[in-house]
N, C-alpha and C. Protein backbone atom coordinates (compact mmCIF):
# COMPACT_ATOMS: atom_id res chain seq x y z
N MET A 1 -4.46 11.73 1.60
CA MET A 1 -5.23 12.55 1.01
C MET A 1 -6.09 12.19 -0.16
N LYS A 2 -7.00 11.93 -0.03
CA LYS A 2 -8.53 11.54 -0.50
C LYS A 2 -8.92 12.85 -1.92
N VAL A 3 -9.38 11.69 -3.02
CA VAL A 3 -9.90 12.53 -4.18
C VAL A 3 -11.06 12.57 -3.88
N THR A 4 -12.04 13.51 -3.60
CA THR A 4 -13.28 13.85 -3.38
C THR A 4 -14.38 14.02 -5.23
N GLU A 5 -13.40 14.08 -6.02
CA GLU A 5 -14.74 14.51 -7.06
C GLU A 5 -13.46 14.09 -8.60
N VAL A 6 -13.71 13.85 -9.59
CA VAL A 6 -12.64 13.77 -10.51
C VAL A 6 -13.68 14.25 -11.62
N GLU A 7 -13.58 14.69 -12.58
CA GLU A 7 -14.50 15.17 -13.77
C GLU A 7 -13.76 15.69 -15.36
N TYR A 8 -13.67 14.63 -15.99
CA TYR A 8 -13.56 14.68 -17.50
C TYR A 8 -14.36 15.97 -18.16
N VAL A 9 -12.32 16.73 -18.61
CA VAL A 9 -12.65 18.20 -19.16
C VAL A 9 -12.85 17.70 -20.67
N SER A 10 -11.82 17.51 -21.04
CA SER A 10 -11.71 17.45 -22.93
C SER A 10 -10.57 16.27 -23.33
N GLY A 11 -10.19 16.42 -24.28
CA GLY A 11 -9.12 15.99 -24.57
C GLY A 11 -9.04 14.84 -23.78
N PHE A 12 -7.61 14.80 -23.64
CA PHE A 12 -6.73 13.90 -22.13
C PHE A 12 -6.94 14.83 -21.09
N THR A 13 -7.23 15.39 -20.83
CA THR A 13 -7.62 16.18 -19.35
C THR A 13 -8.29 15.82 -18.22
N ILE A 14 -7.85 16.05 -17.31
CA ILE A 14 -9.27 15.63 -16.15
C ILE A 14 -9.42 16.89 -15.15
N ARG A 15 -10.23 16.97 -14.14
CA ARG A 15 -10.66 18.18 -13.22
C ARG A 15 -9.91 16.65 -11.72
N VAL A 16 -9.08 17.49 -10.69
CA VAL A 16 -9.59 16.31 -10.03
C VAL A 16 -9.21 16.99 -8.65
N THR A 17 -10.96 17.55 -7.77
CA THR A 17 -10.34 17.60 -6.25
C THR A 17 -10.55 16.55 -5.43
N PHE A 18 -9.46 17.53 -4.24
CA PHE A 18 -9.52 16.68 -3.08
C PHE A 18 -9.68 16.77 -1.90
N SER A 19 -9.71 16.69 -0.64
CA SER A 19 -10.58 16.50 0.07
C SER A 19 -10.04 17.93 1.15
N ASP A 20 -8.65 18.28 0.76
CA ASP A 20 -8.06 19.41 1.34
C ASP A 20 -8.55 20.60 0.65
N GLY A 21 -9.30 20.99 -0.34
CA GLY A 21 -9.64 21.67 -1.36
C GLY A 21 -9.23 21.87 -2.67
N VAL A 22 -8.29 21.47 -2.54
CA VAL A 22 -6.96 21.68 -3.49
C VAL A 22 -7.94 21.09 -4.69
N CYS A 23 -7.69 22.02 -5.84
CA CYS A 23 -8.22 21.68 -7.39
C CYS A 23 -7.16 21.77 -8.17
N GLY A 24 -7.20 20.83 -9.19
CA GLY A 24 -7.00 21.12 -10.56
C GLY A 24 -6.99 20.33 -11.47
N ILE A 25 -5.88 20.76 -13.11
CA ILE A 25 -6.39 20.30 -14.28
C ILE A 25 -4.81 19.27 -14.33
N ILE A 26 -5.41 17.74 -14.82
CA ILE A 26 -4.26 17.22 -15.30
C ILE A 26 -4.31 16.86 -16.75
N ASN A 27 -2.82 17.01 -17.54
CA ASN A 27 -3.48 16.73 -19.11
C ASN A 27 -2.64 14.86 -18.61
N LEU A 28 -3.42 14.23 -19.44
CA LEU A 28 -2.83 13.00 -19.38
C LEU A 28 -2.47 12.37 -20.89
N GLU A 29 -2.41 13.35 -21.44
CA GLU A 29 -1.77 12.37 -23.20
C GLU A 29 -0.71 11.76 -23.46
N GLY A 30 0.07 12.84 -22.44
CA GLY A 30 1.45 11.54 -22.54
C GLY A 30 1.54 10.34 -22.11
N LEU A 31 0.46 9.78 -20.61
CA LEU A 31 0.48 8.77 -20.45
C LEU A 31 -0.27 7.33 -21.28
N VAL A 32 -0.84 8.37 -21.95
CA VAL A 32 -1.93 7.46 -23.22
C VAL A 32 -1.11 6.75 -24.05
N THR A 33 0.14 7.11 -23.76
CA THR A 33 0.98 6.09 -25.08
C THR A 33 1.65 5.17 -24.10
N LYS A 34 1.19 5.19 -23.45
CA LYS A 34 2.54 3.99 -22.68
C LYS A 34 1.41 2.82 -21.86
N GLY A 35 2.92 2.05 -21.79
CA GLY A 35 2.76 0.83 -21.45
C GLY A 35 0.63 0.35 -21.46
N VAL A 36 0.15 -0.45 -19.90
CA VAL A 36 -0.98 -0.36 -19.82
C VAL A 36 -2.05 0.76 -19.92
N PHE A 37 -1.71 2.17 -20.06
CA PHE A 37 -3.06 2.97 -20.31
C PHE A 37 -3.35 3.05 -21.86
N LYS A 38 -2.57 2.70 -22.75
CA LYS A 38 -2.13 2.37 -24.23
C LYS A 38 -4.69 2.44 -25.09
N GLY A 39 -5.07 2.09 -23.55
CA GLY A 39 -5.88 1.52 -24.44
C GLY A 39 -7.08 2.60 -23.98
N LEU A 40 -6.67 3.41 -23.40
CA LEU A 40 -7.06 4.97 -22.65
C LEU A 40 -6.90 6.39 -24.09
N ALA A 41 -5.74 5.31 -24.89
CA ALA A 41 -6.04 6.18 -26.24
C ALA A 41 -7.45 6.82 -26.89
N ASP A 42 -8.21 5.22 -26.73
CA ASP A 42 -9.85 5.77 -26.84
C ASP A 42 -10.40 7.01 -26.07
N LYS A 43 -10.87 7.84 -26.93
CA LYS A 43 -11.49 8.96 -25.71
C LYS A 43 -13.06 8.43 -25.38
N ALA A 44 -13.51 7.40 -25.61
CA ALA A 44 -14.63 7.17 -25.28
C ALA A 44 -14.28 6.45 -23.74
N LYS A 45 -13.48 5.67 -23.88
CA LYS A 45 -12.60 4.82 -22.46
C LYS A 45 -12.09 5.77 -21.51
N PHE A 46 -11.43 7.19 -22.24
CA PHE A 46 -11.09 7.55 -21.12
C PHE A 46 -11.79 8.68 -20.28
N GLU A 47 -12.88 9.08 -21.35
CA GLU A 47 -13.89 9.90 -20.57
C GLU A 47 -14.22 9.19 -19.26
N LYS A 48 -14.13 7.66 -19.17
CA LYS A 48 -15.73 7.36 -17.74
C LYS A 48 -14.11 7.08 -16.88
N VAL A 49 -13.74 8.39 -16.31
CA VAL A 49 -12.86 7.59 -15.27
C VAL A 49 -13.89 8.30 -14.37
N TYR A 50 -13.19 7.37 -13.27
CA TYR A 50 -14.16 7.47 -12.28
C TYR A 50 -13.37 7.67 -10.56
N ASN A 51 -13.68 8.46 -9.61
CA ASN A 51 -12.87 8.01 -8.45
C ASN A 51 -13.59 7.25 -7.47
N THR A 52 -12.38 7.04 -6.87
CA THR A 52 -11.88 5.57 -5.54
C THR A 52 -12.25 6.01 -4.68
N GLY A 53 -11.87 7.30 -4.34
CA GLY A 53 -11.55 7.73 -3.12
C GLY A 53 -9.88 7.79 -2.73
N TYR A 54 -9.06 6.53 -3.12
CA TYR A 54 -7.31 7.14 -2.65
C TYR A 54 -6.91 7.27 -4.51
N SER A 55 -8.04 6.82 -5.48
CA SER A 55 -7.14 7.25 -6.33
C SER A 55 -8.11 7.32 -7.63
N ILE A 56 -8.07 7.33 -9.10
CA ILE A 56 -8.90 8.23 -10.07
C ILE A 56 -8.64 6.70 -10.79
N ALA A 57 -10.18 6.32 -11.14
CA ALA A 57 -9.30 5.13 -12.05
C ALA A 57 -10.58 4.87 -13.75
N TRP A 58 -10.25 4.08 -14.32
CA TRP A 58 -10.93 3.52 -15.49
C TRP A 58 -11.55 1.51 -15.49
N SER A 59 -10.88 0.91 -14.36
CA SER A 59 -11.30 -0.28 -14.48
C SER A 59 -10.72 -0.50 -12.45
N ASP A 60 -10.99 -1.58 -12.55
CA ASP A 60 -10.11 -2.17 -11.64
C ASP A 60 -8.75 -2.93 -11.69
N GLU A 61 -7.82 -2.45 -12.89
CA GLU A 61 -6.92 -2.83 -13.28
C GLU A 61 -5.77 -1.79 -13.14
N LEU A 62 -6.90 -0.32 -13.72
CA LEU A 62 -5.73 0.64 -14.45
C LEU A 62 -6.64 1.86 -13.06
N GLU A 63 -5.31 2.22 -12.70
CA GLU A 63 -5.90 3.10 -11.77
C GLU A 63 -4.64 4.25 -11.53
N ILE A 64 -4.86 5.08 -11.14
CA ILE A 64 -3.61 6.05 -10.82
C ILE A 64 -3.39 6.57 -9.21
N ASP A 65 -2.97 6.50 -8.21
CA ASP A 65 -2.65 7.05 -6.94
C ASP A 65 -3.00 8.43 -6.79
N ALA A 66 -4.44 8.79 -5.60
CA ALA A 66 -4.23 10.17 -5.26
C ALA A 66 -3.14 11.30 -5.34
N LEU A 67 -1.98 10.39 -4.35
CA LEU A 67 -1.23 11.13 -4.03
C LEU A 67 -0.50 11.45 -5.33
N ALA A 68 0.54 10.81 -6.03
CA ALA A 68 0.40 11.15 -7.42
C ALA A 68 0.39 12.31 -7.89
N LEU A 69 -1.06 12.06 -8.51
CA LEU A 69 -2.41 13.12 -8.21
C LEU A 69 -1.38 14.35 -7.95
N TYR A 70 -1.80 14.59 -6.69
CA TYR A 70 -1.95 15.58 -5.75
C TYR A 70 -0.60 16.37 -5.86
N MET A 71 0.33 15.76 -6.15
CA MET A 71 1.99 15.92 -6.21
C MET A 71 2.29 17.11 -7.56
N GLU A 72 1.57 16.10 -8.64
CA GLU A 72 1.67 16.93 -9.62
C GLU A 72 0.80 17.98 -10.03
N ILE A 73 -0.72 18.43 -9.47
CA ILE A 73 -1.23 19.36 -9.51
C ILE A 73 -0.61 20.52 -8.68
N THR A 74 -0.01 20.40 -7.46
CA THR A 74 0.57 21.33 -6.96
C THR A 74 2.13 21.02 -6.37
N GLY A 75 2.85 20.82 -7.84
CA GLY A 75 4.23 20.75 -7.40
C GLY A 75 4.84 20.08 -6.23
N LYS A 76 4.62 19.57 -5.41
CA LYS A 76 4.89 19.67 -3.39
C LYS A 76 5.79 17.73 -4.18
N HIS A 77 6.28 17.96 -3.21
CA HIS A 77 7.44 16.60 -3.04
C HIS A 77 6.32 15.86 -1.90
N PHE A 78 6.39 14.69 -2.00
CA PHE A 78 5.93 13.71 -0.72
C PHE A 78 6.12 13.96 0.75
N GLY A 79 7.57 13.79 0.64
CA GLY A 79 7.80 14.76 2.31
C GLY A 79 7.20 16.58 2.87
N GLU A 80 6.77 16.32 1.50
CA GLU A 80 5.57 17.69 2.02
C GLU A 80 4.44 17.53 2.64
N ILE A 81 3.75 16.94 1.62
CA ILE A 81 2.32 16.37 1.94
C ILE A 81 2.48 15.20 2.91
N VAL A 82 3.39 14.53 3.18
CA VAL A 82 2.82 12.62 3.98
C VAL A 82 2.80 14.01 5.28
N ASP A 83 1.94 13.16 6.38
CA ASP A 83 1.58 13.38 7.92
C ASP A 83 3.24 13.20 8.51
N ARG A 84 3.72 14.09 8.94
CA ARG A 84 5.16 13.57 9.51
C ARG A 84 5.06 13.05 10.84
N ARG A 85 3.95 12.88 11.65
CA ARG A 85 3.82 12.50 12.59
C ARG A 85 3.99 10.93 12.85
N PHE A 86 3.40 9.88 11.70
CA PHE A 86 4.25 9.25 11.17
C PHE A 86 5.24 8.37 11.40
N SER A 87 5.69 7.16 11.80
CA SER A 87 7.28 6.50 12.19
C SER A 87 7.15 5.30 12.24
N TYR A 88 8.31 5.09 12.17
CA TYR A 88 9.13 3.40 12.11
C TYR A 88 7.84 2.73 13.01
N ALA A 89 7.86 1.77 13.11
CA ALA A 89 7.76 0.63 14.62
C ALA A 89 8.97 0.45 14.78
N ALA A 90 9.58 0.39 14.80
CA ALA A 90 11.10 -0.20 14.84
C ALA A 90 11.02 -0.88 16.58
N ASP A 91 10.50 -0.32 16.99
CA ASP A 91 11.24 -0.73 18.16
C ASP A 91 10.36 -1.65 19.04
């Protein structure tokens, strides 16, 4: 699952669009009060979100995986999203 577009909306919300056409808005206000994300409480820094393809990011060290965002927007679980054609290389 790839992010095709990320856009700052307002406050601590962003709009994310994915390669399959799914689009949604996520409020990350709760996230910017925790751990490494505290630096994003400065809205001027938060607004500088960008797309890396497989994540959204604010720097090389600060990013959120596209799959986690997709699950949040769609309400789907990992097993519902991941391609079931993949298998373990146990043989």
